[in-house]
Amino acid sequence: MTAQLRRLRTLIVRGLERTRQFWPDIRCAFAWVHEAARILDNEGGHDAVAVIRRFDDLLDVMERNRSQAGPLAGAIDHFLKVTRSYRPGLFACYRVPDLPRTNNDLEQLFGSHRHHERRATGRKAASPATVLRGSVRLIASTATRLRRYEAHDLAAAARQQWAALRQRLEQRHTARVLRCRFRRNPDAFLKQIETDLLQRTLPA
C-alpha cells in the first residue's frame, strides 16, 4: 500500500470514528426517505389507492417516531411539510395512464425553448415576453416542432376563444407597462392616477 493510500485510509477511518455518534440518526432518517422513494416508485404496479395508503402509513410512522431521528427531527418535519404541500398533485401519475411520474420532461421542454429563443434573439437571458406570452409562445414553439401548420389550420381556429385569449394577453401587457411607468417615476405615476380619479368623481 502506497503512502498516499495509507493517508487516505487514515482520513476515512478518522472521519468515521468522529462521526460515529451521528450514524444511527442518519440511518433512521434515510431509511424512511428511501422507503418513501420505493413506495412512489411503485415497482409492484399498485393502483393509486394502494400507493396513497402505503405512503400515508409511512408518513404517520415518521410523524409519530420523529424523535428517533435525533438532531434530524427538524429535517423530518421539513420533509412532512413539503410532502403535504405537494400532495394535491403527487399521486396523479397513478390515476392517469402514461402520465410521467416527474416533471423532468417538462423542465427539458422549457430548457429547449429558452435555448432556441436565445439563439434566435441573441439574448443571454430569457426574453421578458416569455412571462407575458409564454402560455402562447411555448405551446406554439412546441407544436410547430411536431408538424408543419398551414393557413387552413389557422382558419379552423375558434375566433371567440382567440379573441378572449388575446384580451387576456393584452391585459397582462398593460399591467406590465403600468408597473414599468411606476418604477421609472412613482411620483408622476401616482399624481396621474389621482388626477384621473378626481376627473371621474367631479360632477360634469
N, C-alpha and C. Protein backbone atom coordinates (compact mmCIF):
# COMPACT_ATOMS: atom_id res chain seq x y z
N MET A 1 0.85 -1.20 0.00
CA MET A 1 0.00 0.00 0.00
C MET A 1 0.89 1.24 0.00
N THR A 2 0.62 2.14 -0.92
CA THR A 2 1.42 3.35 -1.01
C THR A 2 1.11 4.30 0.13
N ALA A 3 2.01 5.26 0.31
CA ALA A 3 1.83 6.24 1.39
C ALA A 3 0.55 7.05 1.18
N GLN A 4 0.24 7.36 -0.06
CA GLN A 4 -0.96 8.16 -0.34
C GLN A 4 -2.22 7.39 0.03
N LEU A 5 -2.27 6.09 -0.29
CA LEU A 5 -3.43 5.29 0.07
C LEU A 5 -3.54 5.13 1.58
N ARG A 6 -2.40 5.01 2.26
CA ARG A 6 -2.43 4.90 3.72
C ARG A 6 -2.99 6.17 4.36
N ARG A 7 -2.57 7.32 3.83
CA ARG A 7 -3.10 8.59 4.36
C ARG A 7 -4.61 8.70 4.11
N LEU A 8 -5.02 8.26 2.92
CA LEU A 8 -6.45 8.31 2.60
C LEU A 8 -7.24 7.39 3.52
N ARG A 9 -6.72 6.20 3.76
CA ARG A 9 -7.40 5.26 4.66
C ARG A 9 -7.47 5.82 6.07
N THR A 10 -6.40 6.46 6.51
CA THR A 10 -6.39 7.06 7.85
C THR A 10 -7.44 8.15 7.97
N LEU A 11 -7.57 8.99 6.94
CA LEU A 11 -8.56 10.06 6.95
C LEU A 11 -9.98 9.49 7.02
N ILE A 12 -10.23 8.43 6.25
CA ILE A 12 -11.57 7.85 6.23
C ILE A 12 -11.90 7.24 7.59
N VAL A 13 -10.97 6.47 8.14
CA VAL A 13 -11.19 5.84 9.45
C VAL A 13 -11.41 6.90 10.52
N ARG A 14 -10.59 7.95 10.49
CA ARG A 14 -10.73 9.01 11.47
C ARG A 14 -12.08 9.72 11.34
N GLY A 15 -12.49 9.95 10.09
CA GLY A 15 -13.78 10.60 9.88
C GLY A 15 -14.94 9.75 10.36
N LEU A 16 -14.88 8.44 10.10
CA LEU A 16 -15.95 7.55 10.56
C LEU A 16 -16.00 7.48 12.08
N GLU A 17 -14.84 7.48 12.72
CA GLU A 17 -14.81 7.41 14.18
C GLU A 17 -15.38 8.68 14.81
N ARG A 18 -15.06 9.84 14.22
CA ARG A 18 -15.52 11.10 14.80
C ARG A 18 -17.01 11.35 14.55
N THR A 19 -17.56 10.72 13.53
CA THR A 19 -18.99 10.92 13.23
C THR A 19 -19.83 9.72 13.62
N ARG A 20 -19.23 8.80 14.39
CA ARG A 20 -19.92 7.55 14.74
C ARG A 20 -21.24 7.83 15.46
N GLN A 21 -21.27 8.84 16.28
CA GLN A 21 -22.47 9.12 17.08
C GLN A 21 -23.65 9.59 16.22
N PHE A 22 -23.36 10.10 15.02
CA PHE A 22 -24.44 10.62 14.17
C PHE A 22 -25.06 9.54 13.28
N TRP A 23 -24.38 8.43 13.07
CA TRP A 23 -24.84 7.46 12.09
C TRP A 23 -26.17 6.80 12.43
N PRO A 24 -26.47 6.47 13.68
CA PRO A 24 -27.80 5.89 13.96
C PRO A 24 -28.95 6.81 13.56
N ASP A 25 -28.81 8.10 13.83
CA ASP A 25 -29.86 9.06 13.44
C ASP A 25 -29.98 9.15 11.93
N ILE A 26 -28.83 9.20 11.25
CA ILE A 26 -28.84 9.28 9.79
C ILE A 26 -29.45 8.02 9.18
N ARG A 27 -29.08 6.86 9.76
CA ARG A 27 -29.60 5.59 9.24
C ARG A 27 -31.12 5.54 9.39
N CYS A 28 -31.63 6.03 10.50
CA CYS A 28 -33.08 6.03 10.74
C CYS A 28 -33.80 6.95 9.75
N ALA A 29 -33.31 8.18 9.62
CA ALA A 29 -33.97 9.16 8.75
C ALA A 29 -33.92 8.73 7.29
N PHE A 30 -32.77 8.27 6.85
CA PHE A 30 -32.64 7.89 5.44
C PHE A 30 -33.42 6.63 5.12
N ALA A 31 -33.60 5.76 6.10
CA ALA A 31 -34.43 4.57 5.87
C ALA A 31 -35.86 4.98 5.54
N TRP A 32 -36.38 5.99 6.26
CA TRP A 32 -37.73 6.48 5.97
C TRP A 32 -37.80 7.12 4.58
N VAL A 33 -36.82 7.95 4.27
CA VAL A 33 -36.83 8.64 2.98
C VAL A 33 -36.72 7.64 1.83
N HIS A 34 -35.86 6.64 1.98
CA HIS A 34 -35.71 5.64 0.93
C HIS A 34 -36.98 4.79 0.79
N GLU A 35 -37.65 4.53 1.92
CA GLU A 35 -38.90 3.80 1.84
C GLU A 35 -39.97 4.62 1.11
N ALA A 36 -39.99 5.92 1.34
CA ALA A 36 -40.92 6.79 0.61
C ALA A 36 -40.64 6.73 -0.89
N ALA A 37 -39.36 6.74 -1.26
CA ALA A 37 -39.00 6.66 -2.68
C ALA A 37 -39.43 5.33 -3.28
N ARG A 38 -39.27 4.23 -2.53
CA ARG A 38 -39.68 2.93 -3.03
C ARG A 38 -41.20 2.85 -3.23
N ILE A 39 -41.94 3.44 -2.29
CA ILE A 39 -43.40 3.43 -2.43
C ILE A 39 -43.83 4.21 -3.67
N LEU A 40 -43.24 5.39 -3.86
CA LEU A 40 -43.62 6.22 -5.01
C LEU A 40 -43.12 5.62 -6.32
N ASP A 41 -42.03 4.88 -6.28
CA ASP A 41 -41.53 4.22 -7.49
C ASP A 41 -42.51 3.16 -7.97
N ASN A 42 -43.21 2.52 -7.02
CA ASN A 42 -44.32 1.61 -7.32
C ASN A 42 -43.93 0.52 -8.32
N GLU A 43 -42.84 -0.17 -8.02
CA GLU A 43 -42.42 -1.24 -8.91
C GLU A 43 -43.44 -2.38 -8.97
N GLY A 44 -44.23 -2.53 -7.91
CA GLY A 44 -45.25 -3.58 -7.89
C GLY A 44 -46.47 -3.27 -8.73
N GLY A 45 -46.58 -2.04 -9.25
CA GLY A 45 -47.71 -1.69 -10.09
C GLY A 45 -49.03 -1.57 -9.35
N HIS A 46 -48.98 -1.13 -8.10
CA HIS A 46 -50.22 -0.97 -7.32
C HIS A 46 -51.04 0.20 -7.86
N ASP A 47 -52.35 0.16 -7.60
CA ASP A 47 -53.20 1.26 -8.03
C ASP A 47 -53.02 2.46 -7.10
N ALA A 48 -53.66 3.57 -7.47
CA ALA A 48 -53.47 4.82 -6.73
C ALA A 48 -53.89 4.69 -5.28
N VAL A 49 -54.99 3.97 -5.01
CA VAL A 49 -55.48 3.84 -3.64
C VAL A 49 -54.45 3.13 -2.77
N ALA A 50 -53.85 2.07 -3.29
CA ALA A 50 -52.86 1.32 -2.52
C ALA A 50 -51.60 2.15 -2.27
N VAL A 51 -51.16 2.89 -3.29
CA VAL A 51 -49.97 3.72 -3.13
C VAL A 51 -50.22 4.80 -2.08
N ILE A 52 -51.37 5.45 -2.15
CA ILE A 52 -51.70 6.50 -1.18
C ILE A 52 -51.76 5.94 0.23
N ARG A 53 -52.37 4.77 0.39
CA ARG A 53 -52.48 4.17 1.72
C ARG A 53 -51.10 3.83 2.29
N ARG A 54 -50.24 3.23 1.48
CA ARG A 54 -48.89 2.88 1.94
C ARG A 54 -48.09 4.13 2.28
N PHE A 55 -48.23 5.16 1.45
CA PHE A 55 -47.48 6.39 1.67
C PHE A 55 -47.96 7.10 2.94
N ASP A 56 -49.28 7.15 3.14
CA ASP A 56 -49.83 7.79 4.33
C ASP A 56 -49.41 7.04 5.59
N ASP A 57 -49.37 5.71 5.52
CA ASP A 57 -48.93 4.92 6.68
C ASP A 57 -47.48 5.27 7.04
N LEU A 58 -46.64 5.42 6.02
CA LEU A 58 -45.24 5.77 6.27
C LEU A 58 -45.14 7.16 6.90
N LEU A 59 -45.91 8.11 6.39
CA LEU A 59 -45.87 9.46 6.95
C LEU A 59 -46.32 9.47 8.41
N ASP A 60 -47.32 8.65 8.72
CA ASP A 60 -47.77 8.55 10.12
C ASP A 60 -46.66 8.01 11.01
N VAL A 61 -45.95 6.99 10.52
CA VAL A 61 -44.84 6.42 11.29
C VAL A 61 -43.75 7.48 11.50
N MET A 62 -43.43 8.23 10.47
CA MET A 62 -42.40 9.26 10.57
C MET A 62 -42.80 10.34 11.58
N GLU A 63 -44.07 10.72 11.55
CA GLU A 63 -44.52 11.80 12.45
C GLU A 63 -44.54 11.32 13.91
N ARG A 64 -44.96 10.07 14.13
CA ARG A 64 -45.03 9.55 15.50
C ARG A 64 -43.64 9.31 16.08
N ASN A 65 -42.70 8.88 15.23
CA ASN A 65 -41.38 8.47 15.72
C ASN A 65 -40.27 9.43 15.29
N ARG A 66 -40.62 10.67 15.03
CA ARG A 66 -39.64 11.64 14.57
C ARG A 66 -38.48 11.81 15.55
N SER A 67 -38.75 11.61 16.85
CA SER A 67 -37.69 11.77 17.86
C SER A 67 -36.58 10.74 17.69
N GLN A 68 -36.88 9.63 17.01
CA GLN A 68 -35.86 8.61 16.80
C GLN A 68 -34.75 9.10 15.86
N ALA A 69 -35.04 10.15 15.10
CA ALA A 69 -34.05 10.71 14.19
C ALA A 69 -33.10 11.67 14.87
N GLY A 70 -33.29 11.91 16.17
CA GLY A 70 -32.38 12.76 16.92
C GLY A 70 -32.32 14.17 16.36
N PRO A 71 -31.11 14.67 16.09
CA PRO A 71 -30.96 16.03 15.56
C PRO A 71 -31.61 16.22 14.19
N LEU A 72 -31.92 15.11 13.52
CA LEU A 72 -32.54 15.21 12.20
C LEU A 72 -34.07 15.27 12.28
N ALA A 73 -34.61 15.41 13.47
CA ALA A 73 -36.06 15.52 13.61
C ALA A 73 -36.59 16.74 12.87
N GLY A 74 -35.82 17.83 12.87
CA GLY A 74 -36.23 19.02 12.12
C GLY A 74 -36.30 18.75 10.63
N ALA A 75 -35.37 17.94 10.13
CA ALA A 75 -35.40 17.57 8.71
C ALA A 75 -36.62 16.73 8.39
N ILE A 76 -37.00 15.86 9.32
CA ILE A 76 -38.21 15.05 9.12
C ILE A 76 -39.44 15.96 9.08
N ASP A 77 -39.49 16.96 9.96
CA ASP A 77 -40.61 17.92 9.94
C ASP A 77 -40.68 18.64 8.60
N HIS A 78 -39.52 19.03 8.08
CA HIS A 78 -39.48 19.72 6.79
C HIS A 78 -39.96 18.79 5.68
N PHE A 79 -39.54 17.54 5.72
CA PHE A 79 -39.98 16.56 4.72
C PHE A 79 -41.50 16.41 4.75
N LEU A 80 -42.07 16.31 5.94
CA LEU A 80 -43.52 16.16 6.07
C LEU A 80 -44.25 17.41 5.57
N LYS A 81 -43.70 18.58 5.87
CA LYS A 81 -44.32 19.83 5.44
C LYS A 81 -44.32 19.96 3.92
N VAL A 82 -43.17 19.68 3.29
CA VAL A 82 -43.08 19.78 1.84
C VAL A 82 -43.97 18.74 1.17
N THR A 83 -44.01 17.53 1.75
CA THR A 83 -44.85 16.48 1.18
C THR A 83 -46.32 16.87 1.21
N ARG A 84 -46.75 17.51 2.31
CA ARG A 84 -48.14 17.97 2.38
C ARG A 84 -48.42 19.02 1.32
N SER A 85 -47.47 19.91 1.05
CA SER A 85 -47.70 20.96 0.05
C SER A 85 -47.77 20.39 -1.37
N TYR A 86 -47.04 19.29 -1.62
CA TYR A 86 -47.06 18.69 -2.96
C TYR A 86 -48.15 17.64 -3.10
N ARG A 87 -48.84 17.33 -2.04
CA ARG A 87 -49.78 16.21 -2.06
C ARG A 87 -50.86 16.30 -3.14
N PRO A 88 -51.46 17.47 -3.42
CA PRO A 88 -52.55 17.52 -4.40
C PRO A 88 -52.17 16.94 -5.76
N GLY A 89 -50.91 17.05 -6.18
CA GLY A 89 -50.53 16.51 -7.48
C GLY A 89 -49.57 15.35 -7.41
N LEU A 90 -49.39 14.81 -6.21
CA LEU A 90 -48.36 13.79 -6.02
C LEU A 90 -48.76 12.43 -6.58
N PHE A 91 -50.05 12.13 -6.59
CA PHE A 91 -50.49 10.78 -6.96
C PHE A 91 -51.24 10.74 -8.29
N ALA A 92 -51.22 11.84 -9.03
CA ALA A 92 -51.95 11.87 -10.31
C ALA A 92 -51.40 10.84 -11.29
N CYS A 93 -50.09 10.58 -11.24
CA CYS A 93 -49.48 9.66 -12.20
C CYS A 93 -49.95 8.23 -12.01
N TYR A 94 -50.52 7.91 -10.84
CA TYR A 94 -51.02 6.55 -10.61
C TYR A 94 -52.49 6.41 -11.03
N ARG A 95 -53.13 7.55 -11.27
CA ARG A 95 -54.53 7.52 -11.70
C ARG A 95 -54.65 7.66 -13.22
N VAL A 96 -53.72 8.40 -13.84
CA VAL A 96 -53.79 8.68 -15.27
C VAL A 96 -52.75 7.83 -16.00
N PRO A 97 -53.17 6.97 -16.92
CA PRO A 97 -52.21 6.13 -17.64
C PRO A 97 -51.21 6.98 -18.43
N ASP A 98 -49.95 6.55 -18.45
CA ASP A 98 -48.87 7.17 -19.23
C ASP A 98 -48.51 8.57 -18.77
N LEU A 99 -49.02 9.02 -17.62
CA LEU A 99 -48.62 10.32 -17.11
C LEU A 99 -47.28 10.18 -16.40
N PRO A 100 -46.25 10.96 -16.81
CA PRO A 100 -44.92 10.82 -16.19
C PRO A 100 -44.96 11.07 -14.70
N ARG A 101 -44.08 10.36 -13.97
CA ARG A 101 -44.04 10.48 -12.52
C ARG A 101 -43.35 11.76 -12.08
N THR A 102 -42.49 12.31 -12.91
CA THR A 102 -41.76 13.54 -12.58
C THR A 102 -42.01 14.58 -13.67
N ASN A 103 -41.53 15.80 -13.40
CA ASN A 103 -41.67 16.88 -14.39
C ASN A 103 -40.36 17.11 -15.14
N ASN A 104 -39.48 16.08 -15.17
CA ASN A 104 -38.20 16.24 -15.85
C ASN A 104 -38.38 16.56 -17.33
N ASP A 105 -39.32 15.86 -17.98
CA ASP A 105 -39.56 16.12 -19.41
C ASP A 105 -40.06 17.55 -19.62
N LEU A 106 -40.91 18.02 -18.69
CA LEU A 106 -41.42 19.38 -18.81
C LEU A 106 -40.30 20.40 -18.64
N GLU A 107 -39.39 20.15 -17.69
CA GLU A 107 -38.26 21.05 -17.50
C GLU A 107 -37.36 21.06 -18.73
N GLN A 108 -37.17 19.90 -19.36
CA GLN A 108 -36.37 19.84 -20.58
C GLN A 108 -37.05 20.62 -21.70
N LEU A 109 -38.37 20.58 -21.74
CA LEU A 109 -39.11 21.32 -22.75
C LEU A 109 -38.88 22.82 -22.58
N PHE A 110 -38.99 23.31 -21.34
CA PHE A 110 -38.75 24.73 -21.09
C PHE A 110 -37.30 25.10 -21.40
N GLY A 111 -36.37 24.21 -21.04
CA GLY A 111 -34.97 24.49 -21.31
C GLY A 111 -34.68 24.56 -22.79
N SER A 112 -35.28 23.66 -23.57
CA SER A 112 -35.09 23.69 -25.02
C SER A 112 -35.67 24.96 -25.62
N HIS A 113 -36.83 25.38 -25.11
CA HIS A 113 -37.45 26.62 -25.61
C HIS A 113 -36.54 27.82 -25.33
N ARG A 114 -35.99 27.90 -24.11
CA ARG A 114 -35.08 29.01 -23.79
C ARG A 114 -33.84 28.98 -24.68
N HIS A 115 -33.32 27.79 -24.92
CA HIS A 115 -32.11 27.68 -25.75
C HIS A 115 -32.36 28.20 -27.16
N HIS A 116 -33.46 27.76 -27.78
CA HIS A 116 -33.76 28.20 -29.15
C HIS A 116 -34.09 29.69 -29.19
N GLU A 117 -34.76 30.18 -28.15
CA GLU A 117 -35.09 31.60 -28.12
C GLU A 117 -33.84 32.46 -28.02
N ARG A 118 -32.87 32.04 -27.20
CA ARG A 118 -31.63 32.79 -27.07
C ARG A 118 -30.84 32.78 -28.37
N ARG A 119 -30.83 31.65 -29.05
CA ARG A 119 -30.12 31.58 -30.32
C ARG A 119 -30.76 32.47 -31.38
N ALA A 120 -32.10 32.54 -31.35
CA ALA A 120 -32.81 33.33 -32.36
C ALA A 120 -32.71 34.83 -32.09
N THR A 121 -32.69 35.21 -30.80
CA THR A 121 -32.70 36.64 -30.46
C THR A 121 -31.32 37.18 -30.11
N GLY A 122 -30.38 36.29 -29.78
CA GLY A 122 -29.06 36.75 -29.37
C GLY A 122 -29.01 37.18 -27.92
N ARG A 123 -30.09 36.98 -27.19
CA ARG A 123 -30.12 37.36 -25.78
C ARG A 123 -29.36 36.35 -24.93
N LYS A 124 -28.75 36.85 -23.87
CA LYS A 124 -28.11 35.96 -22.91
C LYS A 124 -29.10 35.45 -21.87
N ALA A 125 -30.16 36.21 -21.65
CA ALA A 125 -31.19 35.82 -20.70
C ALA A 125 -32.51 35.62 -21.44
N ALA A 126 -33.45 34.99 -20.76
CA ALA A 126 -34.75 34.76 -21.38
C ALA A 126 -35.46 36.08 -21.66
N SER A 127 -36.24 36.11 -22.71
CA SER A 127 -36.97 37.32 -23.09
C SER A 127 -38.07 37.61 -22.08
N PRO A 128 -38.26 38.89 -21.71
CA PRO A 128 -39.38 39.23 -20.81
C PRO A 128 -40.72 38.86 -21.40
N ALA A 129 -40.80 38.77 -22.73
CA ALA A 129 -42.08 38.41 -23.36
C ALA A 129 -42.50 37.00 -23.01
N THR A 130 -41.55 36.16 -22.58
CA THR A 130 -41.90 34.79 -22.18
C THR A 130 -42.83 34.81 -20.99
N VAL A 131 -42.64 35.78 -20.09
CA VAL A 131 -43.50 35.88 -18.92
C VAL A 131 -44.90 36.32 -19.34
N LEU A 132 -44.97 37.24 -20.28
CA LEU A 132 -46.26 37.79 -20.69
C LEU A 132 -47.02 36.85 -21.62
N ARG A 133 -46.30 36.27 -22.57
CA ARG A 133 -46.96 35.47 -23.60
C ARG A 133 -46.47 34.03 -23.64
N GLY A 134 -45.88 33.59 -22.54
CA GLY A 134 -45.35 32.23 -22.51
C GLY A 134 -46.40 31.16 -22.72
N SER A 135 -47.62 31.41 -22.23
CA SER A 135 -48.68 30.41 -22.39
C SER A 135 -49.02 30.17 -23.85
N VAL A 136 -48.72 31.14 -24.70
CA VAL A 136 -48.97 31.01 -26.13
C VAL A 136 -47.71 30.64 -26.88
N ARG A 137 -46.61 31.33 -26.58
CA ARG A 137 -45.38 31.13 -27.32
C ARG A 137 -44.80 29.74 -27.11
N LEU A 138 -44.86 29.25 -25.88
CA LEU A 138 -44.30 27.93 -25.61
C LEU A 138 -45.09 26.84 -26.33
N ILE A 139 -46.41 26.95 -26.29
CA ILE A 139 -47.24 25.96 -26.99
C ILE A 139 -47.01 26.03 -28.49
N ALA A 140 -46.90 27.26 -29.03
CA ALA A 140 -46.68 27.41 -30.47
C ALA A 140 -45.33 26.84 -30.90
N SER A 141 -44.29 27.12 -30.12
CA SER A 141 -42.96 26.62 -30.48
C SER A 141 -42.90 25.10 -30.39
N THR A 142 -43.63 24.52 -29.43
CA THR A 142 -43.64 23.06 -29.29
C THR A 142 -44.45 22.42 -30.41
N ALA A 143 -45.61 22.99 -30.69
CA ALA A 143 -46.49 22.40 -31.72
C ALA A 143 -45.84 22.45 -33.10
N THR A 144 -45.15 23.54 -33.41
CA THR A 144 -44.55 23.66 -34.75
C THR A 144 -43.35 22.74 -34.93
N ARG A 145 -42.81 22.22 -33.84
CA ARG A 145 -41.76 21.22 -33.97
C ARG A 145 -42.32 19.86 -34.31
N LEU A 146 -43.58 19.63 -33.95
CA LEU A 146 -44.20 18.34 -34.20
C LEU A 146 -44.66 18.20 -35.64
N ARG A 147 -45.20 19.27 -36.21
CA ARG A 147 -45.62 19.22 -37.62
C ARG A 147 -45.73 20.63 -38.17
N ARG A 148 -45.87 20.71 -39.47
CA ARG A 148 -46.00 22.00 -40.13
C ARG A 148 -47.47 22.39 -40.21
N TYR A 149 -47.76 23.65 -39.87
CA TYR A 149 -49.13 24.16 -39.90
C TYR A 149 -49.33 25.04 -41.12
N GLU A 150 -50.48 24.85 -41.75
CA GLU A 150 -50.83 25.61 -42.95
C GLU A 150 -51.91 26.64 -42.62
N ALA A 151 -52.25 27.45 -43.62
CA ALA A 151 -53.24 28.51 -43.43
C ALA A 151 -54.60 27.95 -43.03
N HIS A 152 -54.97 26.79 -43.61
CA HIS A 152 -56.30 26.25 -43.30
C HIS A 152 -56.37 25.79 -41.85
N ASP A 153 -55.22 25.46 -41.22
CA ASP A 153 -55.23 25.12 -39.80
C ASP A 153 -55.60 26.33 -38.95
N LEU A 154 -55.05 27.48 -39.33
CA LEU A 154 -55.36 28.71 -38.59
C LEU A 154 -56.80 29.15 -38.84
N ALA A 155 -57.29 28.91 -40.05
CA ALA A 155 -58.67 29.32 -40.36
C ALA A 155 -59.69 28.53 -39.57
N ALA A 156 -59.32 27.33 -39.15
CA ALA A 156 -60.26 26.50 -38.40
C ALA A 156 -60.31 26.85 -36.92
N ALA A 157 -59.49 27.80 -36.49
CA ALA A 157 -59.45 28.15 -35.07
C ALA A 157 -60.74 28.86 -34.65
N ALA A 158 -61.13 28.70 -33.40
CA ALA A 158 -62.33 29.35 -32.87
C ALA A 158 -62.01 30.82 -32.60
N ARG A 159 -62.67 31.71 -33.31
CA ARG A 159 -62.36 33.13 -33.22
C ARG A 159 -62.69 33.70 -31.85
N GLN A 160 -63.76 33.23 -31.23
CA GLN A 160 -64.13 33.75 -29.91
C GLN A 160 -63.06 33.39 -28.87
N GLN A 161 -62.58 32.17 -28.90
CA GLN A 161 -61.53 31.77 -27.98
C GLN A 161 -60.24 32.55 -28.25
N TRP A 162 -59.95 32.75 -29.53
CA TRP A 162 -58.75 33.53 -29.90
C TRP A 162 -58.86 34.96 -29.37
N ALA A 163 -60.04 35.57 -29.54
CA ALA A 163 -60.24 36.95 -29.08
C ALA A 163 -60.12 37.04 -27.55
N ALA A 164 -60.69 36.05 -26.83
CA ALA A 164 -60.62 36.05 -25.37
C ALA A 164 -59.17 35.89 -24.90
N LEU A 165 -58.44 35.02 -25.56
CA LEU A 165 -57.03 34.82 -25.21
C LEU A 165 -56.22 36.08 -25.48
N ARG A 166 -56.46 36.70 -26.60
CA ARG A 166 -55.74 37.93 -26.94
C ARG A 166 -56.05 39.04 -25.94
N GLN A 167 -57.29 39.11 -25.48
CA GLN A 167 -57.66 40.13 -24.49
C GLN A 167 -56.91 39.90 -23.18
N ARG A 168 -56.80 38.63 -22.76
CA ARG A 168 -56.06 38.34 -21.52
C ARG A 168 -54.59 38.71 -21.65
N LEU A 169 -54.01 38.44 -22.81
CA LEU A 169 -52.61 38.78 -23.02
C LEU A 169 -52.42 40.30 -23.01
N GLU A 170 -53.35 41.03 -23.59
CA GLU A 170 -53.24 42.49 -23.61
C GLU A 170 -53.38 43.06 -22.19
N GLN A 171 -54.24 42.46 -21.38
CA GLN A 171 -54.38 42.92 -20.00
C GLN A 171 -53.07 42.73 -19.23
N ARG A 172 -52.41 41.60 -19.44
CA ARG A 172 -51.13 41.35 -18.78
C ARG A 172 -50.07 42.33 -19.28
N HIS A 173 -50.12 42.64 -20.59
CA HIS A 173 -49.16 43.59 -21.15
C HIS A 173 -49.38 44.98 -20.57
N THR A 174 -50.65 45.38 -20.45
CA THR A 174 -50.97 46.70 -19.89
C THR A 174 -50.49 46.80 -18.44
N ALA A 175 -50.72 45.74 -17.67
CA ALA A 175 -50.28 45.75 -16.27
C ALA A 175 -48.76 45.87 -16.18
N ARG A 176 -48.04 45.22 -17.08
CA ARG A 176 -46.57 45.32 -17.06
C ARG A 176 -46.11 46.73 -17.42
N VAL A 177 -46.77 47.35 -18.40
CA VAL A 177 -46.42 48.72 -18.78
C VAL A 177 -46.62 49.67 -17.61
N LEU A 178 -47.75 49.50 -16.89
CA LEU A 178 -48.01 50.37 -15.75
C LEU A 178 -46.96 50.18 -14.65
N ARG A 179 -46.54 48.95 -14.42
CA ARG A 179 -45.51 48.71 -13.41
C ARG A 179 -44.20 49.39 -13.81
N CYS A 180 -43.86 49.33 -15.10
CA CYS A 180 -42.63 49.98 -15.56
C CYS A 180 -42.71 51.49 -15.38
N ARG A 181 -43.86 52.06 -15.68
CA ARG A 181 -44.03 53.51 -15.51
C ARG A 181 -43.90 53.90 -14.04
N PHE A 182 -44.45 53.08 -13.16
CA PHE A 182 -44.37 53.37 -11.73
C PHE A 182 -42.92 53.32 -11.25
N ARG A 183 -42.15 52.34 -11.71
CA ARG A 183 -40.76 52.22 -11.29
C ARG A 183 -39.93 53.41 -11.77
N ARG A 184 -40.21 53.87 -12.99
CA ARG A 184 -39.40 54.96 -13.55
C ARG A 184 -39.67 56.27 -12.82
N ASN A 185 -40.94 56.55 -12.52
CA ASN A 185 -41.28 57.82 -11.87
C ASN A 185 -42.52 57.62 -11.00
N PRO A 186 -42.34 57.14 -9.78
CA PRO A 186 -43.50 56.86 -8.92
C PRO A 186 -44.36 58.08 -8.65
N ASP A 187 -43.73 59.24 -8.41
CA ASP A 187 -44.50 60.44 -8.08
C ASP A 187 -45.41 60.86 -9.23
N ALA A 188 -44.86 60.89 -10.43
CA ALA A 188 -45.67 61.27 -11.59
C ALA A 188 -46.78 60.26 -11.84
N PHE A 189 -46.49 58.99 -11.66
CA PHE A 189 -47.50 57.94 -11.87
C PHE A 189 -48.66 58.09 -10.90
N LEU A 190 -48.35 58.28 -9.62
CA LEU A 190 -49.40 58.43 -8.62
C LEU A 190 -50.20 59.72 -8.81
N LYS A 191 -49.50 60.78 -9.24
CA LYS A 191 -50.19 62.04 -9.49
C LYS A 191 -51.18 61.90 -10.64
N GLN A 192 -50.79 61.15 -11.69
CA GLN A 192 -51.68 60.95 -12.82
C GLN A 192 -52.90 60.13 -12.41
N ILE A 193 -52.70 59.12 -11.57
CA ILE A 193 -53.82 58.33 -11.08
C ILE A 193 -54.78 59.20 -10.28
N GLU A 194 -54.22 60.06 -9.43
CA GLU A 194 -55.06 60.95 -8.62
C GLU A 194 -55.85 61.90 -9.51
N THR A 195 -55.20 62.43 -10.55
CA THR A 195 -55.89 63.33 -11.48
C THR A 195 -57.03 62.62 -12.20
N ASP A 196 -56.76 61.41 -12.68
CA ASP A 196 -57.80 60.64 -13.38
C ASP A 196 -58.97 60.34 -12.44
N LEU A 197 -58.67 60.03 -11.19
CA LEU A 197 -59.73 59.71 -10.24
C LEU A 197 -60.59 60.93 -9.94
N LEU A 198 -59.97 62.07 -9.77
CA LEU A 198 -60.72 63.29 -9.49
C LEU A 198 -61.60 63.68 -10.69
N GLN A 199 -61.10 63.50 -11.89
CA GLN A 199 -61.89 63.82 -13.08
C GLN A 199 -63.12 62.95 -13.18
N ARG A 200 -63.00 61.67 -12.72
CA ARG A 200 -64.14 60.78 -12.81
C ARG A 200 -65.16 61.05 -11.72
N THR A 201 -64.74 61.58 -10.56
CA THR A 201 -65.66 61.76 -9.44
C THR A 201 -66.29 63.15 -9.41
N LEU A 202 -65.63 64.16 -10.03
CA LEU A 202 -66.18 65.50 -10.03
C LEU A 202 -67.42 65.56 -10.91
N PRO A 203 -68.44 66.35 -10.51
CA PRO A 203 -69.65 66.46 -11.36
C PRO A 203 -69.33 67.18 -12.66
N ALA A 204 -70.02 66.80 -13.70
CA ALA A 204 -69.80 67.40 -15.01
C ALA A 204 -70.34 68.82 -15.05
